[in-house]
N, C-alpha and C. Protein backbone atom coordinates (compact mmCIF):
# COMPACT_ATOMS: atom_id res chain seq x y z
N MET A 1 11.96 11.44 -45.06
CA MET A 1 13.42 11.65 -44.97
C MET A 1 13.71 13.15 -44.67
N TRP A 2 14.71 13.31 -43.91
CA TRP A 2 15.29 14.62 -43.56
C TRP A 2 16.72 14.77 -43.85
N SER A 3 17.11 16.02 -44.08
CA SER A 3 18.56 16.30 -44.27
C SER A 3 18.97 17.32 -43.27
N HIS A 4 20.20 17.38 -42.96
CA HIS A 4 20.78 18.43 -42.16
C HIS A 4 21.41 19.47 -43.10
N LEU A 5 21.05 20.75 -42.94
CA LEU A 5 21.66 21.87 -43.64
C LEU A 5 22.57 22.57 -42.74
N VAL A 6 23.88 22.59 -43.18
CA VAL A 6 24.89 23.26 -42.31
C VAL A 6 25.67 24.26 -43.23
N SER A 7 26.49 25.07 -42.55
CA SER A 7 27.47 25.93 -43.25
C SER A 7 28.84 25.47 -42.81
N ASP A 8 29.79 25.61 -43.66
CA ASP A 8 31.21 25.37 -43.24
C ASP A 8 31.94 26.65 -43.06
N SER A 9 31.24 27.78 -43.05
CA SER A 9 31.87 29.06 -42.88
C SER A 9 31.25 29.88 -41.75
N SER A 10 29.97 30.02 -41.64
CA SER A 10 29.36 30.85 -40.57
C SER A 10 27.92 30.54 -40.38
N LEU A 11 27.46 30.87 -39.21
CA LEU A 11 25.93 30.67 -38.92
C LEU A 11 25.22 31.73 -39.65
N ASP A 12 25.79 32.90 -39.87
CA ASP A 12 25.13 34.00 -40.67
C ASP A 12 24.77 33.42 -42.06
N GLU A 13 25.76 32.74 -42.68
CA GLU A 13 25.55 32.20 -44.03
C GLU A 13 24.43 31.11 -44.00
N LEU A 14 24.47 30.29 -42.97
CA LEU A 14 23.49 29.21 -42.79
C LEU A 14 22.13 29.81 -42.71
N HIS A 15 21.95 30.85 -41.78
CA HIS A 15 20.63 31.39 -41.61
C HIS A 15 20.10 32.09 -42.90
N ALA A 16 20.97 32.70 -43.60
CA ALA A 16 20.58 33.41 -44.87
C ALA A 16 20.17 32.40 -45.91
N PHE A 17 20.91 31.33 -45.99
CA PHE A 17 20.59 30.21 -46.97
C PHE A 17 19.21 29.58 -46.56
N ALA A 18 18.98 29.31 -45.35
CA ALA A 18 17.73 28.75 -44.84
C ALA A 18 16.57 29.67 -45.21
N LEU A 19 16.75 30.94 -45.02
CA LEU A 19 15.74 31.92 -45.36
C LEU A 19 15.40 31.87 -46.81
N ARG A 20 16.45 31.82 -47.69
CA ARG A 20 16.19 31.75 -49.12
C ARG A 20 15.43 30.43 -49.51
N LEU A 21 15.61 29.44 -48.79
CA LEU A 21 14.90 28.14 -48.99
C LEU A 21 13.51 28.12 -48.39
N GLY A 22 13.18 29.14 -47.52
CA GLY A 22 11.86 29.11 -46.83
C GLY A 22 11.81 28.20 -45.71
N VAL A 23 12.94 27.76 -45.15
CA VAL A 23 13.00 26.90 -44.00
C VAL A 23 12.73 27.72 -42.69
N PRO A 24 11.74 27.34 -41.96
CA PRO A 24 11.45 28.17 -40.75
C PRO A 24 12.52 28.17 -39.70
N GLU A 25 12.60 29.21 -38.91
CA GLU A 25 13.64 29.28 -37.86
C GLU A 25 13.43 28.17 -36.83
N ARG A 26 12.27 27.69 -36.58
CA ARG A 26 12.03 26.59 -35.65
C ARG A 26 12.80 25.29 -36.04
N ALA A 27 13.21 25.18 -37.35
CA ALA A 27 13.94 24.03 -37.79
C ALA A 27 15.44 24.07 -37.44
N PHE A 28 15.86 25.19 -36.84
CA PHE A 28 17.30 25.31 -36.47
C PHE A 28 17.57 24.58 -35.15
N ASP A 29 18.63 23.79 -35.10
CA ASP A 29 18.98 23.06 -33.92
C ASP A 29 20.44 23.15 -33.73
N ARG A 30 20.89 24.09 -32.85
CA ARG A 30 22.27 24.29 -32.45
C ARG A 30 23.25 24.74 -33.53
N ASP A 31 23.43 23.87 -34.51
CA ASP A 31 24.40 24.11 -35.55
C ASP A 31 23.93 23.72 -36.99
N HIS A 32 22.62 23.39 -37.11
CA HIS A 32 22.13 22.91 -38.38
C HIS A 32 20.59 23.15 -38.41
N TYR A 33 20.10 23.07 -39.65
CA TYR A 33 18.68 23.01 -39.89
C TYR A 33 18.30 21.64 -40.23
N ASP A 34 17.16 21.18 -39.82
CA ASP A 34 16.53 19.88 -40.20
C ASP A 34 15.60 20.33 -41.40
N VAL A 35 15.88 19.85 -42.62
CA VAL A 35 15.10 20.17 -43.74
C VAL A 35 14.44 18.93 -44.37
N PRO A 36 13.21 19.03 -44.79
CA PRO A 36 12.58 17.83 -45.34
C PRO A 36 13.07 17.49 -46.72
N GLU A 37 12.84 16.27 -47.06
CA GLU A 37 13.25 15.73 -48.31
C GLU A 37 12.85 16.60 -49.51
N THR A 38 11.69 17.25 -49.35
CA THR A 38 11.09 18.05 -50.45
C THR A 38 11.89 19.34 -50.69
N VAL A 39 12.78 19.68 -49.78
CA VAL A 39 13.59 20.91 -49.98
C VAL A 39 14.95 20.53 -50.47
N HIS A 40 15.39 19.35 -50.43
CA HIS A 40 16.70 18.91 -50.72
C HIS A 40 17.12 19.34 -52.14
N ALA A 41 16.43 19.03 -53.19
CA ALA A 41 16.70 19.37 -54.57
C ALA A 41 16.85 20.91 -54.77
N ARG A 42 16.05 21.69 -54.20
CA ARG A 42 16.06 23.12 -54.26
C ARG A 42 17.32 23.63 -53.55
N ALA A 43 17.65 23.06 -52.47
CA ALA A 43 18.91 23.44 -51.74
C ALA A 43 20.10 23.22 -52.64
N VAL A 44 20.20 22.14 -53.23
CA VAL A 44 21.30 21.80 -54.18
C VAL A 44 21.35 22.78 -55.40
N GLU A 45 20.14 23.06 -55.94
CA GLU A 45 20.12 24.01 -57.01
C GLU A 45 20.68 25.39 -56.64
N LEU A 46 20.43 25.74 -55.37
CA LEU A 46 20.95 27.08 -54.91
C LEU A 46 22.41 27.01 -54.39
N GLY A 47 23.02 25.87 -54.50
CA GLY A 47 24.40 25.81 -54.13
C GLY A 47 24.85 24.87 -53.00
N ALA A 48 23.88 24.27 -52.33
CA ALA A 48 24.21 23.34 -51.27
C ALA A 48 24.91 22.12 -51.88
N GLU A 49 25.70 21.44 -51.10
CA GLU A 49 26.42 20.28 -51.59
C GLU A 49 26.10 19.10 -50.74
N ALA A 50 25.64 18.03 -51.34
CA ALA A 50 25.25 16.89 -50.59
C ALA A 50 26.55 16.10 -50.25
N VAL A 51 26.73 15.83 -48.93
CA VAL A 51 27.87 15.14 -48.43
C VAL A 51 27.37 14.05 -47.42
N SER A 52 28.33 13.11 -47.07
CA SER A 52 28.08 12.15 -46.13
C SER A 52 27.96 12.76 -44.68
N SER A 53 27.37 12.08 -43.78
CA SER A 53 27.26 12.54 -42.41
C SER A 53 28.74 12.73 -41.84
N ARG A 54 29.62 11.81 -42.11
CA ARG A 54 30.96 12.04 -41.71
C ARG A 54 31.60 13.27 -42.21
N GLU A 55 31.40 13.60 -43.50
CA GLU A 55 31.99 14.78 -44.06
C GLU A 55 31.28 16.01 -43.47
N LEU A 56 30.01 15.96 -43.23
CA LEU A 56 29.32 17.05 -42.61
C LEU A 56 29.90 17.41 -41.33
N LEU A 57 30.06 16.46 -40.52
CA LEU A 57 30.68 16.62 -39.15
C LEU A 57 32.09 17.18 -39.27
N ARG A 58 32.88 16.64 -40.18
CA ARG A 58 34.19 17.16 -40.35
C ARG A 58 34.24 18.61 -40.66
N ARG A 59 33.36 19.03 -41.58
CA ARG A 59 33.28 20.47 -41.99
C ARG A 59 32.85 21.31 -40.86
N LEU A 60 31.78 20.86 -40.11
CA LEU A 60 31.36 21.65 -38.95
C LEU A 60 32.50 21.89 -37.99
N ILE A 61 33.25 20.81 -37.65
CA ILE A 61 34.35 20.94 -36.67
C ILE A 61 35.37 21.80 -37.22
N ALA A 62 35.80 21.63 -38.47
CA ALA A 62 36.89 22.44 -39.14
C ALA A 62 36.48 23.92 -39.13
N GLY A 63 35.17 24.19 -39.34
CA GLY A 63 34.75 25.57 -39.40
C GLY A 63 34.51 26.23 -37.98
N GLY A 64 34.67 25.42 -36.96
CA GLY A 64 34.43 25.88 -35.57
C GLY A 64 32.97 26.08 -35.31
N LEU A 65 32.11 25.37 -36.04
CA LEU A 65 30.71 25.63 -35.91
C LEU A 65 29.94 24.51 -35.22
N ARG A 66 30.63 23.42 -34.80
CA ARG A 66 29.98 22.33 -34.18
C ARG A 66 29.48 22.69 -32.77
N ARG A 67 28.22 22.49 -32.46
CA ARG A 67 27.65 22.71 -31.17
C ARG A 67 26.99 21.45 -30.64
N ARG A 68 27.62 20.86 -29.64
CA ARG A 68 27.11 19.64 -29.05
C ARG A 68 26.01 19.92 -28.07
N LYS A 69 25.14 18.89 -27.81
CA LYS A 69 24.13 18.99 -26.84
C LYS A 69 24.78 19.00 -25.45
N ARG A 70 24.27 19.82 -24.58
CA ARG A 70 24.74 19.83 -23.24
C ARG A 70 23.96 18.86 -22.40
N HIS A 71 24.65 18.08 -21.57
CA HIS A 71 23.96 17.09 -20.69
C HIS A 71 23.89 17.54 -19.33
């Protein structure tokens, strides 16, 4: 299983949090990090909030951080 790690305020915050978790830069994809299930509990301990995919998308859009794939 995988989770998406996002920020609802800035990409700088997202990158700093991912670094604290030890998530490699290659896991970043446009507006989120793909993190393995093994990292989920630690992310929550450090302040991440588990939300539904709908809420995750809502927060990305509200924060102006949503980056869609270009076709």
